[in-house]
Amino acid sequence: MCNVFLGKQATLYRNPTTVFYSFTSLIVTLLIDISSSFVLVGRNHPSGQHWLSERRLPFHHFHHSNFAKPRLAFISKKSKTNGNALNERKQEIDNDQNSEDEDITSEKSQNVRYRARVAYDGTKYSGWQVQSVPNNPNHRTVQGELQKVLSRRFQKPVSIVGAGRTDSGVHARGQAIQFDLSTHLNENNIKELEYSLNRMLEKDIRVWDVNVAPLEERDGANYRWSAMKSANKKLYSYRFCTNHAMSPTMRYTRVHIDVPLDIDRMAGILKHFEGTHDFRAFSGAIEANEKKRGTNISTIKTVYKVDLVEEGYGLYRVDFYLKGALYKMVRNMVGSSLEVCKGRMEEQRLIDLLHQKSSCADNSATTAIVFSRKDNRTKPAPPEGLTLEWVYYDNF
């Protein structure tokens, strides 16, 4: 029987095991050659199974020694295509972030915009904003961690926009964010998303109050809700302790002032910051950023209210209600006020820096000039005492 099927090569297969496997291989090859006349295309097949989307080639087209090569080539081509698509998607995200306040008639607005609140302990993070630091895996930011888990959750890049940036070591209780998805989530889906995000995030970041962002009418047109532009005001709080010693459990959220402090005078000095002023002398890296951008940056900001609150047992909190803040602006206001209270800076000097006025020797006249940060020699207060308490909106 073996001679019939194997012909002249029968003498080469005297081993029974070799004969058996050769015979089996021949039968399988014949059966597959017969079935190869049928072309199965998954898209039109009633079963709708995705694996049928590839055209099935006859088995004998693949030699056993290189059977995997065509398949590997197909995977490589597919991966390359997905890589290009990923890069294109990242470019779309960058474009969306640059024009995140577009009219709802634009194509980008077809995605569903979501918003949420975020609380975080900023001790271990290099601030809020994503930064490009090559070869430094320990350089983590809050925005970067949120984008990472959202992208992993939806298996595609997801970018978020925050209501404002916080420095390294600064905390937040009521930060607000926005992100766009191509999928509309119902109430149950949103609850599941919130739960899964908090399971994926580190314990020092929490997301809550996730919901669909409403539309807003401005200048006769409907715009999508914006975490930055829809905000009415923000509340920053700075906490410090004046006791002889401070509890070590507060060391990441409060600053210890180790010299006697006149609290009443401190409260009066802080009131100078209320109103609309040029805070150029109380901001950081303004000149460097202007040089980098090639344009001037407005340093005019409005502080609605400043309150020094006694929390008891030598603990105090300074609340700043403001429209927006420059880089390190709140910490510089606290730092300058503390230096005046400690007698290391004249109160009039602080007023001059704030009002951009230079008093003459006899105080009889003033000349308008522009003070910069280098004219204010005080240091910003440490970051751990500062918290972004809340970002206020009309309906959030």
Protein backbone atom coordinates (compact mmCIF):
# COMPACT_ATOMS: atom_id res chain seq x y z
CA MET A 1 0.00 0.00 0.00
CA CYS A 2 2.87 2.31 0.81
CA ASN A 3 4.34 1.54 -2.61
CA VAL A 4 1.14 2.65 -4.30
CA PHE A 5 1.07 6.07 -2.68
CA LEU A 6 4.74 6.75 -2.41
CA GLY A 7 5.85 5.31 -5.74
CA LYS A 8 9.60 5.35 -6.42
CA GLN A 9 10.35 6.89 -3.01
CA ALA A 10 9.01 3.87 -1.15
CA THR A 11 12.49 2.62 -0.50
CA LEU A 12 13.25 5.85 1.40
CA TYR A 13 10.53 5.22 3.94
CA ARG A 14 11.24 1.86 5.49
CA ASN A 15 10.72 3.21 9.02
CA PRO A 16 7.03 2.62 9.95
CA THR A 17 6.82 5.95 11.83
CA THR A 18 8.12 7.86 8.83
CA VAL A 19 5.66 6.09 6.55
CA PHE A 20 2.76 6.94 8.85
CA TYR A 21 3.53 10.68 9.06
CA SER A 22 4.22 10.95 5.33
CA PHE A 23 0.95 9.25 4.50
CA THR A 24 -0.97 11.51 6.92
CA SER A 25 0.64 14.65 5.51
CA LEU A 26 -0.29 13.61 1.97
CA ILE A 27 -3.95 13.06 2.89
CA VAL A 28 -4.20 16.41 4.70
CA THR A 29 -2.61 18.25 1.75
CA LEU A 30 -5.08 16.67 -0.69
CA LEU A 31 -8.07 17.63 1.46
CA ILE A 32 -6.94 21.24 1.85
CA ASP A 33 -6.24 21.56 -1.89
CA ILE A 34 -9.82 20.55 -2.54
CA SER A 35 -11.20 23.07 0.01
CA SER A 36 -8.96 25.89 -1.24
CA SER A 37 -11.32 26.55 -4.11
CA PHE A 38 -13.71 28.14 -1.61
CA VAL A 39 -12.89 31.74 -0.75
CA LEU A 40 -14.28 32.92 2.55
CA VAL A 41 -14.62 36.61 3.16
CA GLY A 42 -15.71 37.54 6.69
CA ARG A 43 -17.51 40.73 5.85
CA ASN A 44 -20.13 38.97 3.68
CA HIS A 45 -20.21 35.71 5.61
CA PRO A 46 -23.41 35.15 7.61
CA SER A 47 -21.45 34.32 10.76
CA GLY A 48 -19.78 37.75 10.69
CA GLN A 49 -16.67 36.36 12.40
CA HIS A 50 -13.70 38.67 12.12
CA TRP A 51 -11.14 35.91 11.51
CA LEU A 52 -12.75 35.12 8.14
CA SER A 53 -11.80 38.54 6.81
CA GLU A 54 -8.50 37.11 5.51
CA ARG A 55 -8.44 35.15 2.28
CA ARG A 56 -7.51 31.50 3.01
CA LEU A 57 -4.64 30.27 0.85
CA PRO A 58 -4.00 26.59 0.01
CA PHE A 59 -1.95 24.87 2.68
CA HIS A 60 0.73 23.73 0.23
CA HIS A 61 1.65 27.35 -0.47
CA PHE A 62 3.45 27.33 2.88
CA HIS A 63 6.39 25.02 3.42
CA HIS A 64 6.70 23.68 6.95
CA SER A 65 10.10 25.34 7.41
CA ASN A 66 8.82 28.86 6.79
CA PHE A 67 5.12 28.56 7.50
CA ALA A 68 5.12 31.48 10.00
CA LYS A 69 6.94 33.95 7.78
CA PRO A 70 3.96 35.18 5.71
CA ARG A 71 1.91 35.58 8.88
CA LEU A 72 4.70 37.53 10.59
CA ALA A 73 4.95 39.78 7.57
CA PHE A 74 1.23 40.45 7.78
CA ILE A 75 1.48 41.33 11.47
CA SER A 76 4.42 43.62 10.85
CA LYS A 77 2.51 45.50 8.17
CA LYS A 78 -0.51 45.79 10.40
CA SER A 79 1.55 47.08 13.32
CA LYS A 80 3.12 49.68 11.07
CA THR A 81 -0.30 50.82 9.96
CA ASN A 82 -1.52 51.06 13.55
CA GLY A 83 1.59 53.04 14.46
CA ASN A 84 0.83 55.59 11.76
CA ALA A 85 -2.75 55.80 12.92
CA LEU A 86 -1.56 56.33 16.49
CA ASN A 87 0.67 59.19 15.42
CA GLU A 88 -2.17 60.75 13.47
CA ARG A 89 -4.44 60.43 16.51
CA LYS A 90 -1.84 62.13 18.71
CA GLN A 91 -1.66 64.97 16.22
CA GLU A 92 -5.44 65.31 16.34
CA ILE A 93 -5.27 65.46 20.14
CA ASP A 94 -2.66 68.20 20.00
CA ASN A 95 -4.85 70.17 17.62
CA ASP A 96 -7.88 69.67 19.86
CA GLN A 97 -5.94 70.90 22.87
CA ASN A 98 -4.84 74.03 21.05
CA SER A 99 -8.38 74.89 20.04
CA GLU A 100 -10.43 73.34 22.83
CA ASP A 101 -13.05 76.10 22.82
CA GLU A 102 -14.41 75.58 19.32
CA ASP A 103 -17.97 76.14 18.18
CA ILE A 104 -20.16 73.02 18.18
CA THR A 105 -20.54 73.26 14.40
CA SER A 106 -16.93 72.17 13.89
CA GLU A 107 -16.04 68.57 13.15
CA LYS A 108 -13.99 68.23 16.34
CA SER A 109 -17.08 68.94 18.40
CA GLN A 110 -18.66 65.68 17.25
CA ASN A 111 -16.88 63.94 20.12
CA VAL A 112 -18.60 63.91 23.50
CA ARG A 113 -16.96 66.15 26.09
CA TYR A 114 -16.77 64.96 29.68
CA ARG A 115 -15.72 66.82 32.79
CA ALA A 116 -14.65 65.73 36.25
CA ARG A 117 -13.18 66.86 39.53
CA VAL A 118 -9.73 65.75 40.60
CA ALA A 119 -8.10 65.73 44.03
CA TYR A 120 -4.45 64.90 44.51
CA ASP A 121 -1.53 65.00 46.89
CA GLY A 122 1.19 66.69 44.84
CA THR A 123 4.09 65.65 47.06
CA LYS A 124 5.49 63.02 44.70
CA TYR A 125 4.66 64.78 41.43
CA SER A 126 6.54 67.31 39.32
CA GLY A 127 3.50 69.54 39.13
CA TRP A 128 0.33 69.25 37.10
CA GLN A 129 1.38 69.73 33.49
CA VAL A 130 2.91 67.03 31.31
CA GLN A 131 6.56 67.79 30.62
CA SER A 132 9.04 66.25 28.23
CA VAL A 133 11.97 64.95 30.27
CA PRO A 134 13.92 62.32 28.28
CA ASN A 135 15.42 59.34 30.09
CA ASN A 136 13.75 60.18 33.38
CA PRO A 137 10.97 57.68 34.20
CA ASN A 138 10.61 59.15 37.70
CA HIS A 139 9.46 62.51 36.30
CA ARG A 140 5.73 62.09 36.90
CA THR A 141 2.98 64.68 36.62
CA VAL A 142 -0.67 64.55 37.65
CA GLN A 143 -1.88 65.29 34.12
CA GLY A 144 0.40 62.60 32.75
CA GLU A 145 -0.91 59.97 35.16
CA LEU A 146 -4.54 60.80 34.35
CA GLN A 147 -3.92 60.67 30.60
CA LYS A 148 -2.11 57.37 30.98
CA VAL A 149 -4.96 55.59 32.77
CA LEU A 150 -7.63 57.09 30.51
CA SER A 151 -5.71 56.01 27.41
CA ARG A 152 -5.27 52.52 28.85
CA ARG A 153 -8.95 52.35 29.75
CA PHE A 154 -10.14 53.23 26.24
CA GLN A 155 -7.22 51.66 24.34
CA LYS A 156 -6.41 54.89 22.49
CA PRO A 157 -4.75 58.21 23.34
CA VAL A 158 -6.95 60.44 25.49
CA SER A 159 -5.85 63.97 26.33
CA ILE A 160 -7.14 66.02 29.23
CA VAL A 161 -7.19 69.77 29.91
CA GLY A 162 -7.13 71.13 33.46
CA ALA A 163 -8.57 74.35 34.83
CA GLY A 164 -5.10 75.44 35.89
CA ARG A 165 -1.57 74.29 36.60
CA THR A 166 -0.06 73.60 39.99
CA ASP A 167 3.64 73.55 40.83
CA SER A 168 5.64 70.61 42.06
CA GLY A 169 4.54 69.67 45.58
CA VAL A 170 1.29 71.67 45.41
CA HIS A 171 -1.99 69.87 46.15
CA ALA A 172 -5.58 70.13 44.93
CA ARG A 173 -9.01 69.23 46.25
CA GLY A 174 -11.27 70.65 43.54
CA GLN A 175 -9.26 70.72 40.32
CA ALA A 176 -11.47 70.46 37.22
CA ILE A 177 -10.65 68.64 33.98
CA GLN A 178 -12.18 67.95 30.58
CA PHE A 179 -11.61 65.15 28.07
CA ASP A 180 -13.25 64.14 24.80
CA LEU A 181 -14.40 60.65 23.78
CA SER A 182 -16.00 59.34 20.61
CA THR A 183 -18.34 57.22 22.77
CA HIS A 184 -21.41 58.41 24.62
CA LEU A 185 -21.50 56.92 28.12
CA ASN A 186 -24.73 56.51 30.05
CA GLU A 187 -25.00 57.06 33.79
CA ASN A 188 -24.01 53.50 34.67
CA ASN A 189 -21.05 53.60 32.27
CA ILE A 190 -19.86 56.84 33.86
CA LYS A 191 -20.03 55.33 37.34
CA GLU A 192 -18.07 52.31 36.14
CA LEU A 193 -15.52 54.60 34.49
CA GLU A 194 -15.05 56.62 37.67
CA TYR A 195 -14.62 53.42 39.68
CA SER A 196 -12.13 51.86 37.26
CA LEU A 197 -10.06 55.05 36.98
CA ASN A 198 -9.66 55.25 40.75
CA ARG A 199 -8.65 51.60 40.84
CA MET A 200 -6.00 52.21 38.18
CA LEU A 201 -4.64 55.44 39.66
CA GLU A 202 -2.22 55.73 42.55
CA LYS A 203 -3.82 56.42 45.92
CA ASP A 204 -2.63 60.04 45.89
CA ILE A 205 -4.90 60.91 42.91
CA ARG A 206 -8.68 60.56 42.88
CA VAL A 207 -11.29 61.38 40.23
CA TRP A 208 -14.88 62.16 41.12
CA ASP A 209 -18.08 63.74 39.82
CA VAL A 210 -17.54 62.60 36.21
CA ASN A 211 -20.36 63.80 33.93
CA VAL A 212 -21.15 65.00 30.43
CA ALA A 213 -20.15 68.64 29.98
CA PRO A 214 -23.05 70.90 28.92
CA LEU A 215 -23.03 73.38 26.07
CA GLU A 216 -22.63 77.09 26.78
CA GLU A 217 -24.01 80.05 24.87
CA ARG A 218 -21.62 82.93 24.30
CA ASP A 219 -22.00 85.75 21.80
CA GLY A 220 -25.01 84.12 20.21
CA ALA A 221 -23.28 80.79 19.55
CA ASN A 222 -23.12 77.50 21.44
CA TYR A 223 -19.71 76.44 22.67
CA ARG A 224 -18.53 73.36 24.46
CA TRP A 225 -17.79 73.65 28.15
CA SER A 226 -14.16 74.55 28.86
CA ALA A 227 -12.34 73.73 32.08
CA MET A 228 -10.26 76.89 31.66
CA LYS A 229 -12.49 79.45 29.97
CA SER A 230 -15.74 78.54 31.71
CA ALA A 231 -14.25 79.07 35.18
CA ASN A 232 -15.49 82.09 37.14
CA LYS A 233 -12.87 82.12 39.90
CA LYS A 234 -10.54 79.91 41.91
CA LEU A 235 -9.83 79.43 45.59
CA TYR A 236 -6.27 78.78 46.71
CA SER A 237 -5.44 78.15 50.37
CA TYR A 238 -2.04 78.41 52.03
CA ARG A 239 -1.62 76.70 55.41
CA PHE A 240 1.04 77.35 58.02
CA CYS A 241 1.76 76.67 61.69
CA THR A 242 3.20 79.13 64.24
CA ASN A 243 3.68 76.71 67.15
CA HIS A 244 7.09 75.98 68.64
CA ALA A 245 6.92 72.60 66.88
CA MET A 246 4.61 71.24 64.19
CA SER A 247 3.19 67.74 64.07
CA PRO A 248 5.10 65.62 61.53
CA THR A 249 1.76 64.43 60.12
CA MET A 250 1.30 67.94 58.68
CA ARG A 251 4.69 68.24 57.02
CA TYR A 252 3.35 67.64 53.49
CA THR A 253 0.35 69.97 53.73
CA ARG A 254 1.47 72.83 56.00
CA VAL A 255 4.54 75.03 56.50
CA HIS A 256 6.12 75.68 59.90
CA ILE A 257 6.95 79.34 60.65
CA ASP A 258 9.73 79.12 63.24
CA VAL A 259 9.86 82.83 64.20
CA PRO A 260 7.33 84.99 66.10
CA LEU A 261 4.68 86.32 63.71
CA ASP A 262 2.34 89.27 64.15
CA ILE A 263 -0.87 87.74 62.80
CA ASP A 264 -2.83 90.99 62.78
CA ARG A 265 -0.16 92.73 60.75
CA MET A 266 0.04 89.74 58.42
CA ALA A 267 -3.70 90.01 57.76
CA GLY A 268 -3.35 93.71 56.95
CA ILE A 269 -0.43 93.17 54.57
CA LEU A 270 -2.31 90.49 52.67
CA LYS A 271 -5.16 92.93 52.03
CA HIS A 272 -2.84 94.96 49.77
CA PHE A 273 -3.16 92.23 47.14
CA GLU A 274 -6.92 92.63 46.74
CA GLY A 275 -8.00 94.27 43.50
CA THR A 276 -6.58 94.34 39.99
CA HIS A 277 -2.80 94.82 39.87
CA ASP A 278 0.25 94.11 37.77
CA PHE A 279 1.77 91.05 39.46
CA ARG A 280 4.93 90.93 37.34
CA ALA A 281 7.10 91.29 40.47
CA PHE A 282 5.21 88.41 42.11
CA SER A 283 5.38 85.87 39.30
CA GLY A 284 8.02 83.46 38.16
CA ALA A 285 9.82 82.93 34.85
CA ILE A 286 7.83 85.65 33.05
CA GLU A 287 10.83 87.11 31.21
CA ALA A 288 12.07 83.65 30.20
CA ASN A 289 8.67 82.66 28.83
CA GLU A 290 8.32 85.96 26.96
CA LYS A 291 11.71 85.42 25.36
CA LYS A 292 10.79 81.87 24.44
CA ARG A 293 7.44 82.83 22.91
CA GLY A 294 8.64 86.06 21.36
CA THR A 295 5.61 87.94 22.70
CA ASN A 296 4.69 89.85 25.84
CA ILE A 297 2.68 88.09 28.54
CA SER A 298 0.01 90.01 30.42
CA THR A 299 0.69 90.05 34.16
CA ILE A 300 -2.48 91.94 35.08
CA LYS A 301 -4.54 89.77 37.44
CA THR A 302 -7.51 90.31 39.75
CA VAL A 303 -7.62 89.10 43.35
CA TYR A 304 -11.18 89.31 44.64
CA LYS A 305 -10.54 88.63 48.31
CA VAL A 306 -7.79 87.56 50.72
CA ASP A 307 -8.71 86.18 54.16
CA LEU A 308 -6.41 85.08 56.96
CA VAL A 309 -8.33 82.39 58.86
CA GLU A 310 -7.37 81.13 62.30
CA GLU A 311 -7.93 77.37 62.50
CA GLY A 312 -6.98 77.05 66.16
CA TYR A 313 -4.00 75.68 68.11
CA GLY A 314 -1.51 77.87 66.28
CA LEU A 315 -2.72 76.81 62.82
CA TYR A 316 -3.64 79.36 60.14
CA ARG A 317 -4.91 79.41 56.58
CA VAL A 318 -4.78 82.17 53.95
CA ASP A 319 -7.60 82.00 51.39
CA PHE A 320 -7.08 83.67 48.01
CA TYR A 321 -10.17 84.16 45.81
CA LEU A 322 -8.97 85.17 42.36
CA LYS A 323 -9.74 84.97 38.67
CA GLY A 324 -6.46 83.36 37.70
CA ALA A 325 -2.88 83.18 38.90
CA LEU A 326 0.53 83.47 37.29
CA TYR A 327 3.31 80.95 37.82
CA LYS A 328 4.20 80.94 41.56
CA MET A 329 2.07 84.06 42.07
CA VAL A 330 0.24 82.84 45.21
CA ARG A 331 3.42 81.51 46.80
CA ASN A 332 5.20 84.80 46.08
CA MET A 333 2.39 86.79 47.68
CA VAL A 334 2.64 84.67 50.82
CA GLY A 335 6.43 84.74 50.82
CA SER A 336 6.60 88.53 50.44
CA SER A 337 4.01 89.07 53.18
CA LEU A 338 5.93 86.83 55.58
CA GLU A 339 9.15 88.73 54.89
CA VAL A 340 7.44 92.02 55.74
CA CYS A 341 6.11 90.55 58.99
CA LYS A 342 9.57 89.27 59.87
CA GLY A 343 11.02 92.74 59.31
CA ARG A 344 13.15 91.72 56.36
CA MET A 345 11.26 93.87 53.85
CA GLU A 346 9.60 97.26 54.09
CA GLU A 347 5.83 97.26 53.65
CA GLN A 348 6.11 100.28 51.36
CA ARG A 349 8.45 98.32 49.12
CA LEU A 350 5.81 95.62 48.73
CA ILE A 351 3.22 98.28 47.85
CA ASP A 352 5.55 99.83 45.28
CA LEU A 353 6.20 96.46 43.65
CA LEU A 354 2.49 95.74 43.54
CA HIS A 355 1.42 99.11 42.13
CA GLN A 356 4.46 99.41 39.85
CA LYS A 357 5.39 102.76 41.44
CA SER A 358 8.76 104.04 42.63
CA SER A 359 8.51 106.50 45.53
CA CYS A 360 10.88 109.49 45.54
CA ALA A 361 13.06 110.20 48.53
CA ASP A 362 10.64 112.75 49.89
CA ASN A 363 7.57 110.72 48.91
CA SER A 364 6.27 113.81 47.10
CA ALA A 365 5.95 112.27 43.67
CA THR A 366 5.92 108.92 41.96
CA THR A 367 7.15 107.76 38.64
CA ALA A 368 5.62 104.79 36.85
CA ILE A 369 8.10 102.06 36.01
CA VAL A 370 7.97 98.33 35.38
CA PHE A 371 9.25 96.10 38.15
CA SER A 372 10.20 92.50 37.38
CA ARG A 373 10.64 89.47 39.59
CA LYS A 374 14.35 90.23 40.08
CA ASP A 375 13.35 93.47 41.83
CA ASN A 376 11.52 91.43 44.45
CA ARG A 377 14.25 89.64 46.37
CA THR A 378 11.91 87.62 48.61
CA LYS A 379 11.59 83.89 48.08
CA PRO A 380 8.32 82.16 47.29
CA ALA A 381 6.72 80.31 50.19
CA PRO A 382 7.32 76.52 50.16
CA PRO A 383 4.96 74.59 47.85
CA GLU A 384 3.64 72.04 50.35
CA GLY A 385 1.48 74.64 52.11
CA LEU A 386 -0.50 75.51 48.98
CA THR A 387 -3.70 73.78 47.83
CA LEU A 388 -6.03 74.51 44.93
CA GLU A 389 -9.24 74.19 46.93
CA TRP A 390 -11.86 74.77 44.26
CA VAL A 391 -12.54 76.02 40.74
CA TYR A 392 -15.91 77.75 40.52
CA TYR A 393 -18.35 77.37 37.59
CA ASP A 394 -21.96 78.34 37.05
CA ASN A 395 -23.21 74.76 37.07
CA PHE A 396 -20.41 72.52 38.28
